[in-house]
Amino acid sequence: MENIADSDLIDALSKISDIADRNSTIRFLKDVASRYALNTIAYFGVGVSGQNEVDPYLAVTYPSEWVEHYKSRQYVDVDPVVRLGFRRMLPLYWDEFGKPVGQLKTFFGEAGEFGIGHRGLTIPVHGRRGDRALFSVTSDLSARDWASAKLLYMRDFQVLAMSVGARIRFQRFLFIRLR
């Protein structure tokens, strides 16, 4: 008998081929977030074929107001997920940051006001041609429920992060070839 948790992963993987552009990526991420009862999911890629560092590939389920707020406050320079995530090979649990103080406390507080979950997991994605991405999920689960869900999330989101990254790279490659 198939485990219900496995069916979420299998169903999500079966829909990866629906990713054709940024909008379909966002629809896919929203579907996955709903399946796993997550607050948000983000895919942030740099060096993806046809993209540059100034204009990275961004597909998120965040409210657009948060994205604009994040950019206007230049939070990319503060965000520990971005600062640490691109230098890592292994997944990053946000509780590794410890209790935020100062500017980080403001950053995480404002993120929470926009619906970004207080608990998070970020999977670094490294492509063959030097492209890199961060696949992040957030939740407001209790500490106890998060501790329980982390194992499932670690397994499923590593697989999904790599699969989404491969699909995005493939679509970007096709886009460039067909221009």
Foldseek 3Di string as FASTA:
>chain_A
DDDPLVVLLVVLLVCLLVDQDLVSVLVSQVVSCVSVVFQKKKKWKAPQQPHHPVGTRIRMPFDVVVVVVCVVVVCCVVDVCNVPVQVDQAKDKPCVVPDDDDPVVVVLVVSVVRRFAPTKMWHWEADPVGMIIIIMIHHPDDPVVCVVCVVSCRVSVNVVSHSNVVSSSVSSVVVVVVD
